[in-house]
Structure formats: structure tokens, C-alpha cells
Amino acid sequence: MKDPLREIFEHFQDLYTPTMEYRRLCRIEEGVLDQARSVMGTAFVDELLRRSADVSWQSEYEWFREGFRLGAALILEAGSFPA
């Protein structure tokens, strides 16, 4: 296990079920992307999407990591108070 936190993050990503709101936003985005492809070309827009997805994935992981650290810190802090 090289990076256990990343493995936990990726596991939860696999279990994610998109909400109706997420699906609605994806449909809107797809319409805009279709327009962009007709103007800028499919290859360019698809490459842009791949790069954007890489950035988004890393950002989501970093926020997950920060939330995990915050949660761990809160648990440790709560344990330091007398009962």
C-alpha cells in the first residue's frame, strides 16, 4: 500500500452514485461541449476535457485528504479532553 489515503479515496469514488442534480448539470455541460466541438474540433475539446478531468481529480483528492486530516485532528483533540 504505497498511498493508503489515495486508495481509500479511489475506493469511495468507485462507490459514488451520481445525484439527479449532477446528472442534470452533466447534460447541460454536454450540450455546451457539443457546440464547442463544432467550433474548435473534437480532438481539441476532448484533450481539454482530459486535462481538466486530471486537474479536477487531483483537486478532489486534495480536498478529501484535507478533510481526512481535519477529521483525524478533531478525533485526536476530542480524545484529549477529560471525560
PDB file of N, CA and C in Angstrom:
ATOM      1  N   MET A   1       0.854  -1.165   0.000  1.00  0.00           N
ATOM      2  CA  MET A   1       0.000   0.000   0.000  1.00  0.00           C
ATOM      3  C   MET A   1       0.905   1.235   0.000  1.00  0.00           C
ATOM      4  N   LYS A   2       1.107   1.797  -1.157  1.00  0.00           N
ATOM      5  CA  LYS A   2       2.016   2.936  -1.299  1.00  0.00           C
ATOM      6  C   LYS A   2       1.413   4.229  -0.754  1.00  0.00           C
ATOM      7  N   ASP A   3       0.162   4.481  -1.056  1.00  0.00           N
ATOM      8  CA  ASP A   3      -0.525   5.690  -0.602  1.00  0.00           C
ATOM      9  C   ASP A   3      -1.923   5.288  -0.124  1.00  0.00           C
ATOM     10  N   PRO A   4      -2.035   4.878   1.152  1.00  0.00           N
ATOM     11  CA  PRO A   4      -3.323   4.344   1.626  1.00  0.00           C
ATOM     12  C   PRO A   4      -4.474   5.344   1.527  1.00  0.00           C
ATOM     13  N   LEU A   5      -4.201   6.623   1.741  1.00  0.00           N
ATOM     14  CA  LEU A   5      -5.274   7.611   1.667  1.00  0.00           C
ATOM     15  C   LEU A   5      -5.813   7.731   0.247  1.00  0.00           C
ATOM     16  N   ARG A   6      -4.923   7.684  -0.742  1.00  0.00           N
ATOM     17  CA  ARG A   6      -5.367   7.731  -2.143  1.00  0.00           C
ATOM     18  C   ARG A   6      -6.195   6.490  -2.472  1.00  0.00           C
ATOM     19  N   GLU A   7      -5.792   5.341  -1.938  1.00  0.00           N
ATOM     20  CA  GLU A   7      -6.545   4.114  -2.194  1.00  0.00           C
ATOM     21  C   GLU A   7      -7.944   4.196  -1.587  1.00  0.00           C
ATOM     22  N   ILE A   8      -8.059   4.775  -0.392  1.00  0.00           N
ATOM     23  CA  ILE A   8      -9.370   4.972   0.230  1.00  0.00           C
ATOM     24  C   ILE A   8     -10.209   5.909  -0.633  1.00  0.00           C
ATOM     25  N   PHE A   9      -9.612   7.019  -1.073  1.00  0.00           N
ATOM     26  CA  PHE A   9     -10.304   7.987  -1.929  1.00  0.00           C
ATOM     27  C   PHE A   9     -10.811   7.320  -3.205  1.00  0.00           C
ATOM     28  N   GLU A  10      -9.947   6.581  -3.871  1.00  0.00           N
ATOM     29  CA  GLU A  10     -10.337   5.933  -5.130  1.00  0.00           C
ATOM     30  C   GLU A  10     -11.424   4.889  -4.897  1.00  0.00           C
ATOM     31  N   HIS A  11     -11.370   4.191  -3.763  1.00  0.00           N
ATOM     32  CA  HIS A  11     -12.403   3.211  -3.438  1.00  0.00           C
ATOM     33  C   HIS A  11     -13.760   3.904  -3.313  1.00  0.00           C
ATOM     34  N   PHE A  12     -13.792   5.031  -2.602  1.00  0.00           N
ATOM     35  CA  PHE A  12     -15.050   5.746  -2.442  1.00  0.00           C
ATOM     36  C   PHE A  12     -15.516   6.365  -3.752  1.00  0.00           C
ATOM     37  N   GLN A  13     -14.606   6.740  -4.625  1.00  0.00           N
ATOM     38  CA  GLN A  13     -15.000   7.253  -5.938  1.00  0.00           C
ATOM     39  C   GLN A  13     -15.725   6.163  -6.724  1.00  0.00           C
ATOM     40  N   ASP A  14     -15.257   4.919  -6.585  1.00  0.00           N
ATOM     41  CA  ASP A  14     -15.900   3.801  -7.279  1.00  0.00           C
ATOM     42  C   ASP A  14     -17.318   3.553  -6.774  1.00  0.00           C
ATOM     43  N   LEU A  15     -17.582   3.890  -5.516  1.00  0.00           N
ATOM     44  CA  LEU A  15     -18.890   3.646  -4.911  1.00  0.00           C
ATOM     45  C   LEU A  15     -19.872   4.790  -5.110  1.00  0.00           C
ATOM     46  N   TYR A  16     -19.400   5.914  -5.650  1.00  0.00           N
ATOM     47  CA  TYR A  16     -20.215   7.113  -5.799  1.00  0.00           C
ATOM     48  C   TYR A  16     -21.368   6.880  -6.771  1.00  0.00           C
ATOM     49  N   THR A  17     -22.565   7.273  -6.346  1.00  0.00           N
ATOM     50  CA  THR A  17     -23.733   7.238  -7.215  1.00  0.00           C
ATOM     51  C   THR A  17     -24.140   8.682  -7.489  1.00  0.00           C
ATOM     52  N   PRO A  18     -24.088   9.107  -8.747  1.00  0.00           N
ATOM     53  CA  PRO A  18     -24.413  10.499  -9.065  1.00  0.00           C
ATOM     54  C   PRO A  18     -25.852  10.853  -8.684  1.00  0.00           C
ATOM     55  N   THR A  19     -26.009  12.080  -8.204  1.00  0.00           N
ATOM     56  CA  THR A  19     -27.339  12.589  -7.871  1.00  0.00           C
ATOM     57  C   THR A  19     -28.039  13.066  -9.154  1.00  0.00           C
ATOM     58  N   MET A  20     -29.321  13.317  -9.024  1.00  0.00           N
ATOM     59  CA  MET A  20     -30.078  13.847 -10.162  1.00  0.00           C
ATOM     60  C   MET A  20     -29.535  15.219 -10.566  1.00  0.00           C
ATOM     61  N   GLU A  21     -29.142  16.025  -9.591  1.00  0.00           N
ATOM     62  CA  GLU A  21     -28.597  17.354  -9.894  1.00  0.00           C
ATOM     63  C   GLU A  21     -27.300  17.236 -10.676  1.00  0.00           C
ATOM     64  N   TYR A  22     -26.459  16.307 -10.286  1.00  0.00           N
ATOM     65  CA  TYR A  22     -25.203  16.080 -11.004  1.00  0.00           C
ATOM     66  C   TYR A  22     -25.487  15.681 -12.452  1.00  0.00           C
ATOM     67  N   ARG A  23     -26.427  14.777 -12.621  1.00  0.00           N
ATOM     68  CA  ARG A  23     -26.772  14.324 -13.981  1.00  0.00           C
ATOM     69  C   ARG A  23     -27.346  15.467 -14.822  1.00  0.00           C
ATOM     70  N   ARG A  24     -28.149  16.312 -14.187  1.00  0.00           N
ATOM     71  CA  ARG A  24     -28.715  17.475 -14.896  1.00  0.00           C
ATOM     72  C   ARG A  24     -27.599  18.399 -15.365  1.00  0.00           C
ATOM     73  N   LEU A  25     -26.647  18.670 -14.481  1.00  0.00           N
ATOM     74  CA  LEU A  25     -25.521  19.534 -14.846  1.00  0.00           C
ATOM     75  C   LEU A  25     -24.671  18.912 -15.946  1.00  0.00           C
ATOM     76  N   CYS A  26     -24.516  17.608 -15.928  1.00  0.00           N
ATOM     77  CA  CYS A  26     -23.752  16.925 -16.986  1.00  0.00           C
ATOM     78  C   CYS A  26     -24.438  17.061 -18.346  1.00  0.00           C
ATOM     79  N   ARG A  27     -25.761  16.980 -18.358  1.00  0.00           N
ATOM     80  CA  ARG A  27     -26.487  17.148 -19.631  1.00  0.00           C
ATOM     81  C   ARG A  27     -26.287  18.557 -20.190  1.00  0.00           C
ATOM     82  N   ILE A  28     -26.337  19.550 -19.312  1.00  0.00           N
ATOM     83  CA  ILE A  28     -26.104  20.929 -19.748  1.00  0.00           C
ATOM     84  C   ILE A  28     -24.686  21.075 -20.286  1.00  0.00           C
ATOM     85  N   GLU A  29     -23.728  20.526 -19.542  1.00  0.00           N
ATOM     86  CA  GLU A  29     -22.328  20.605 -19.974  1.00  0.00           C
ATOM     87  C   GLU A  29     -22.132  19.918 -21.325  1.00  0.00           C
ATOM     88  N   GLU A  30     -22.764  18.791 -21.535  1.00  0.00           N
ATOM     89  CA  GLU A  30     -22.601  18.065 -22.792  1.00  0.00           C
ATOM     90  C   GLU A  30     -23.112  18.889 -23.973  1.00  0.00           C
ATOM     91  N   GLY A  31     -24.205  19.624 -23.771  1.00  0.00           N
ATOM     92  CA  GLY A  31     -24.706  20.493 -24.830  1.00  0.00           C
ATOM     93  C   GLY A  31     -23.701  21.579 -25.190  1.00  0.00           C
ATOM     94  N   VAL A  32     -23.092  22.167 -24.179  1.00  0.00           N
ATOM     95  CA  VAL A  32     -22.081  23.204 -24.416  1.00  0.00           C
ATOM     96  C   VAL A  32     -20.860  22.588 -25.105  1.00  0.00           C
ATOM     97  N   LEU A  33     -20.472  21.396 -24.674  1.00  0.00           N
ATOM     98  CA  LEU A  33     -19.307  20.736 -25.289  1.00  0.00           C
ATOM     99  C   LEU A  33     -19.568  20.391 -26.754  1.00  0.00           C
ATOM    100  N   ASP A  34     -20.782  19.989 -27.061  1.00  0.00           N
ATOM    101  CA  ASP A  34     -21.112  19.710 -28.462  1.00  0.00           C
ATOM    102  C   ASP A  34     -20.952  20.967 -29.314  1.00  0.00           C
ATOM    103  N   GLN A  35     -21.384  22.099 -28.784  1.00  0.00           N
ATOM    104  CA  GLN A  35     -21.209  23.365 -29.509  1.00  0.00           C
ATOM    105  C   GLN A  35     -19.724  23.691 -29.665  1.00  0.00           C
ATOM    106  N   ALA A  36     -18.956  23.491 -28.597  1.00  0.00           N
ATOM    107  CA  ALA A  36     -17.519  23.778 -28.650  1.00  0.00           C
ATOM    108  C   ALA A  36     -16.819  22.868 -29.659  1.00  0.00           C
ATOM    109  N   ARG A  37     -17.219  21.596 -29.702  1.00  0.00           N
ATOM    110  CA  ARG A  37     -16.604  20.664 -30.665  1.00  0.00           C
ATOM    111  C   ARG A  37     -16.861  21.104 -32.105  1.00  0.00           C
ATOM    112  N   SER A  38     -18.047  21.634 -32.358  1.00  0.00           N
ATOM    113  CA  SER A  38     -18.363  22.050 -33.724  1.00  0.00           C
ATOM    114  C   SER A  38     -17.543  23.269 -34.133  1.00  0.00           C
ATOM    115  N   VAL A  39     -17.105  24.068 -33.167  1.00  0.00           N
ATOM    116  CA  VAL A  39     -16.321  25.268 -33.468  1.00  0.00           C
ATOM    117  C   VAL A  39     -14.819  24.982 -33.400  1.00  0.00           C
ATOM    118  N   MET A  40     -14.392  24.270 -32.354  1.00  0.00           N
ATOM    119  CA  MET A  40     -12.952  24.078 -32.102  1.00  0.00           C
ATOM    120  C   MET A  40     -12.420  22.714 -32.524  1.00  0.00           C
ATOM    121  N   GLY A  41     -13.308  21.800 -32.835  1.00  0.00           N
ATOM    122  CA  GLY A  41     -12.882  20.469 -33.232  1.00  0.00           C
ATOM    123  C   GLY A  41     -12.928  19.487 -32.071  1.00  0.00           C
ATOM    124  N   THR A  42     -13.254  18.256 -32.418  1.00  0.00           N
ATOM    125  CA  THR A  42     -13.407  17.211 -31.410  1.00  0.00           C
ATOM    126  C   THR A  42     -12.106  16.919 -30.682  1.00  0.00           C
ATOM    127  N   ALA A  43     -11.005  16.809 -31.407  1.00  0.00           N
ATOM    128  CA  ALA A  43      -9.729  16.445 -30.779  1.00  0.00           C
ATOM    129  C   ALA A  43      -9.308  17.479 -29.739  1.00  0.00           C
ATOM    130  N   PHE A  44      -9.434  18.747 -30.087  1.00  0.00           N
ATOM    131  CA  PHE A  44      -9.027  19.803 -29.158  1.00  0.00           C
ATOM    132  C   PHE A  44      -9.887  19.794 -27.895  1.00  0.00           C
ATOM    133  N   VAL A  45     -11.211  19.726 -28.071  1.00  0.00           N
ATOM    134  CA  VAL A  45     -12.118  19.763 -26.926  1.00  0.00           C
ATOM    135  C   VAL A  45     -11.925  18.510 -26.059  1.00  0.00           C
ATOM    136  N   ASP A  46     -11.739  17.358 -26.670  1.00  0.00           N
ATOM    137  CA  ASP A  46     -11.525  16.136 -25.895  1.00  0.00           C
ATOM    138  C   ASP A  46     -10.218  16.191 -25.107  1.00  0.00           C
ATOM    139  N   GLU A  47      -9.182  16.748 -25.687  1.00  0.00           N
ATOM    140  CA  GLU A  47      -7.917  16.908 -24.964  1.00  0.00           C
ATOM    141  C   GLU A  47      -8.082  17.881 -23.804  1.00  0.00           C
ATOM    142  N   LEU A  48      -8.795  18.961 -24.048  1.00  0.00           N
ATOM    143  CA  LEU A  48      -9.080  19.924 -22.990  1.00  0.00           C
ATOM    144  C   LEU A  48      -9.845  19.249 -21.845  1.00  0.00           C
ATOM    145  N   LEU A  49     -10.810  18.418 -22.173  1.00  0.00           N
ATOM    146  CA  LEU A  49     -11.578  17.697 -21.156  1.00  0.00           C
ATOM    147  C   LEU A  49     -10.707  16.731 -20.364  1.00  0.00           C
ATOM    148  N   ARG A  50      -9.818  16.024 -21.054  1.00  0.00           N
ATOM    149  CA  ARG A  50      -8.914  15.099 -20.352  1.00  0.00           C
ATOM    150  C   ARG A  50      -8.042  15.838 -19.352  1.00  0.00           C
ATOM    151  N   ARG A  51      -7.492  16.969 -19.780  1.00  0.00           N
ATOM    152  CA  ARG A  51      -6.624  17.754 -18.888  1.00  0.00           C
ATOM    153  C   ARG A  51      -7.430  18.328 -17.726  1.00  0.00           C
ATOM    154  N   SER A  52      -8.631  18.796 -18.011  1.00  0.00           N
ATOM    155  CA  SER A  52      -9.494  19.338 -16.971  1.00  0.00           C
ATOM    156  C   SER A  52      -9.889  18.254 -15.964  1.00  0.00           C
ATOM    157  N   ALA A  53     -10.161  17.055 -16.458  1.00  0.00           N
ATOM    158  CA  ALA A  53     -10.511  15.939 -15.573  1.00  0.00           C
ATOM    159  C   ALA A  53      -9.341  15.574 -14.666  1.00  0.00           C
ATOM    160  N   ASP A  54      -8.119  15.606 -15.204  1.00  0.00           N
ATOM    161  CA  ASP A  54      -6.939  15.330 -14.380  1.00  0.00           C
ATOM    162  C   ASP A  54      -6.810  16.343 -13.247  1.00  0.00           C
ATOM    163  N   VAL A  55      -7.005  17.621 -13.576  1.00  0.00           N
ATOM    164  CA  VAL A  55      -6.915  18.685 -12.571  1.00  0.00           C
ATOM    165  C   VAL A  55      -8.029  18.509 -11.539  1.00  0.00           C
ATOM    166  N   SER A  56      -9.239  18.228 -11.997  1.00  0.00           N
ATOM    167  CA  SER A  56     -10.383  18.057 -11.099  1.00  0.00           C
ATOM    168  C   SER A  56     -10.161  16.867 -10.161  1.00  0.00           C
ATOM    169  N   TRP A  57      -9.676  15.758 -10.699  1.00  0.00           N
ATOM    170  CA  TRP A  57      -9.420  14.553  -9.903  1.00  0.00           C
ATOM    171  C   TRP A  57      -8.400  14.856  -8.798  1.00  0.00           C
ATOM    172  N   GLN A  58      -7.328  15.542  -9.152  1.00  0.00           N
ATOM    173  CA  GLN A  58      -6.304  15.881  -8.169  1.00  0.00           C
ATOM    174  C   GLN A  58      -6.859  16.831  -7.115  1.00  0.00           C
ATOM    175  N   SER A  59      -7.646  17.806  -7.539  1.00  0.00           N
ATOM    176  CA  SER A  59      -8.249  18.748  -6.601  1.00  0.00           C
ATOM    177  C   SER A  59      -9.189  18.030  -5.636  1.00  0.00           C
ATOM    178  N   GLU A  60     -10.026  17.138  -6.155  1.00  0.00           N
ATOM    179  CA  GLU A  60     -10.939  16.385  -5.300  1.00  0.00           C
ATOM    180  C   GLU A  60     -10.164  15.550  -4.293  1.00  0.00           C
ATOM    181  N   TYR A  61      -9.083  14.914  -4.740  1.00  0.00           N
ATOM    182  CA  TYR A  61      -8.264  14.123  -3.828  1.00  0.00           C
ATOM    183  C   TYR A  61      -7.649  14.999  -2.742  1.00  0.00           C
ATOM    184  N   GLU A  62      -7.130  16.165  -3.122  1.00  0.00           N
ATOM    185  CA  GLU A  62      -6.500  17.043  -2.138  1.00  0.00           C
ATOM    186  C   GLU A  62      -7.508  17.546  -1.106  1.00  0.00           C
ATOM    187  N   TRP A  63      -8.735  17.864  -1.532  1.00  0.00           N
ATOM    188  CA  TRP A  63      -9.765  18.262  -0.575  1.00  0.00           C
ATOM    189  C   TRP A  63     -10.160  17.090   0.310  1.00  0.00           C
ATOM    190  N   PHE A  64     -10.249  15.903  -0.264  1.00  0.00           N
ATOM    191  CA  PHE A  64     -10.537  14.701   0.530  1.00  0.00           C
ATOM    192  C   PHE A  64      -9.450  14.506   1.580  1.00  0.00           C
ATOM    193  N   ARG A  65      -8.209  14.641   1.178  1.00  0.00           N
ATOM    194  CA  ARG A  65      -7.068  14.476   2.091  1.00  0.00           C
ATOM    195  C   ARG A  65      -7.140  15.498   3.225  1.00  0.00           C
ATOM    196  N   GLU A  66      -7.431  16.757   2.886  1.00  0.00           N
ATOM    197  CA  GLU A  66      -7.525  17.789   3.920  1.00  0.00           C
ATOM    198  C   GLU A  66      -8.680  17.501   4.879  1.00  0.00           C
ATOM    199  N   GLY A  67      -9.804  17.060   4.353  1.00  0.00           N
ATOM    200  CA  GLY A  67     -10.939  16.707   5.202  1.00  0.00           C
ATOM    201  C   GLY A  67     -10.626  15.528   6.105  1.00  0.00           C
ATOM    202  N   PHE A  68      -9.905  14.570   5.567  1.00  0.00           N
ATOM    203  CA  PHE A  68      -9.499  13.406   6.351  1.00  0.00           C
ATOM    204  C   PHE A  68      -8.586  13.839   7.487  1.00  0.00           C
ATOM    205  N   ARG A  69      -7.627  14.695   7.184  1.00  0.00           N
ATOM    206  CA  ARG A  69      -6.710  15.193   8.222  1.00  0.00           C
ATOM    207  C   ARG A  69      -7.454  15.995   9.275  1.00  0.00           C
ATOM    208  N   LEU A  70      -8.382  16.828   8.858  1.00  0.00           N
ATOM    209  CA  LEU A  70      -9.166  17.607   9.804  1.00  0.00           C
ATOM    210  C   LEU A  70      -9.969  16.679  10.709  1.00  0.00           C
ATOM    211  N   GLY A  71     -10.603  15.680  10.113  1.00  0.00           N
ATOM    212  CA  GLY A  71     -11.372  14.718  10.907  1.00  0.00           C
ATOM    213  C   GLY A  71     -10.499  13.994  11.920  1.00  0.00           C
ATOM    214  N   ALA A  72      -9.315  13.565  11.482  1.00  0.00           N
ATOM    215  CA  ALA A  72      -8.396  12.887  12.398  1.00  0.00           C
ATOM    216  C   ALA A  72      -7.956  13.821  13.519  1.00  0.00           C
ATOM    217  N   ALA A  73      -7.676  15.078  13.184  1.00  0.00           N
ATOM    218  CA  ALA A  73      -7.257  16.046  14.203  1.00  0.00           C
ATOM    219  C   ALA A  73      -8.381  16.281  15.211  1.00  0.00           C
ATOM    220  N   LEU A  74      -9.611  16.375  14.740  1.00  0.00           N
ATOM    221  CA  LEU A  74     -10.744  16.586  15.644  1.00  0.00           C
ATOM    222  C   LEU A  74     -10.945  15.387  16.566  1.00  0.00           C
ATOM    223  N   ILE A  75     -10.777  14.196  16.036  1.00  0.00           N
ATOM    224  CA  ILE A  75     -10.913  12.989  16.857  1.00  0.00           C
ATOM    225  C   ILE A  75      -9.810  12.965  17.923  1.00  0.00           C
ATOM    226  N   LEU A  76      -8.599  13.280  17.537  1.00  0.00           N
ATOM    227  CA  LEU A  76      -7.498  13.301  18.496  1.00  0.00           C
ATOM    228  C   LEU A  76      -7.714  14.381  19.555  1.00  0.00           C
ATOM    229  N   GLU A  77      -8.198  15.541  19.142  1.00  0.00           N
ATOM    230  CA  GLU A  77      -8.472  16.618  20.081  1.00  0.00           C
ATOM    231  C   GLU A  77      -9.590  16.234  21.040  1.00  0.00           C
ATOM    232  N   ALA A  78     -10.635  15.623  20.521  1.00  0.00           N
ATOM    233  CA  ALA A  78     -11.754  15.215  21.378  1.00  0.00           C
ATOM    234  C   ALA A  78     -11.295  14.186  22.401  1.00  0.00           C
ATOM    235  N   GLY A  79     -10.358  13.338  22.018  1.00  0.00           N
ATOM    236  CA  GLY A  79      -9.849  12.326  22.932  1.00  0.00           C
ATOM    237  C   GLY A  79      -8.948  12.879  24.003  1.00  0.00           C
ATOM    238  N   SER A  80      -8.481  14.114  23.856  1.00  0.00           N
ATOM    239  CA  SER A  80      -7.548  14.686  24.827  1.00  0.00           C
ATOM    240  C   SER A  80      -8.270  15.372  25.983  1.00  0.00           C
ATOM    241  N   PHE A  81      -9.597  15.509  25.882  1.00  0.00           N
ATOM    242  CA  PHE A  81     -10.356  16.147  26.968  1.00  0.00           C
ATOM    243  C   PHE A  81     -10.765  15.091  27.984  1.00  0.00           C
ATOM    244  N   PRO A  82     -10.720  15.466  29.263  1.00  0.00           N
ATOM    245  CA  PRO A  82     -11.169  14.504  30.284  1.00  0.00           C
ATOM    246  C   PRO A  82     -12.673  14.243  30.152  1.00  0.00           C
ATOM    247  N   ALA A  83     -13.060  13.032  30.447  1.00  0.00           N
ATOM    248  CA  ALA A  83     -14.476  12.652  30.338  1.00  0.00           C
ATOM    249  C   ALA A  83     -15.315  13.212  31.446  1.00  0.00           C
TER     250      ALA A  83
END
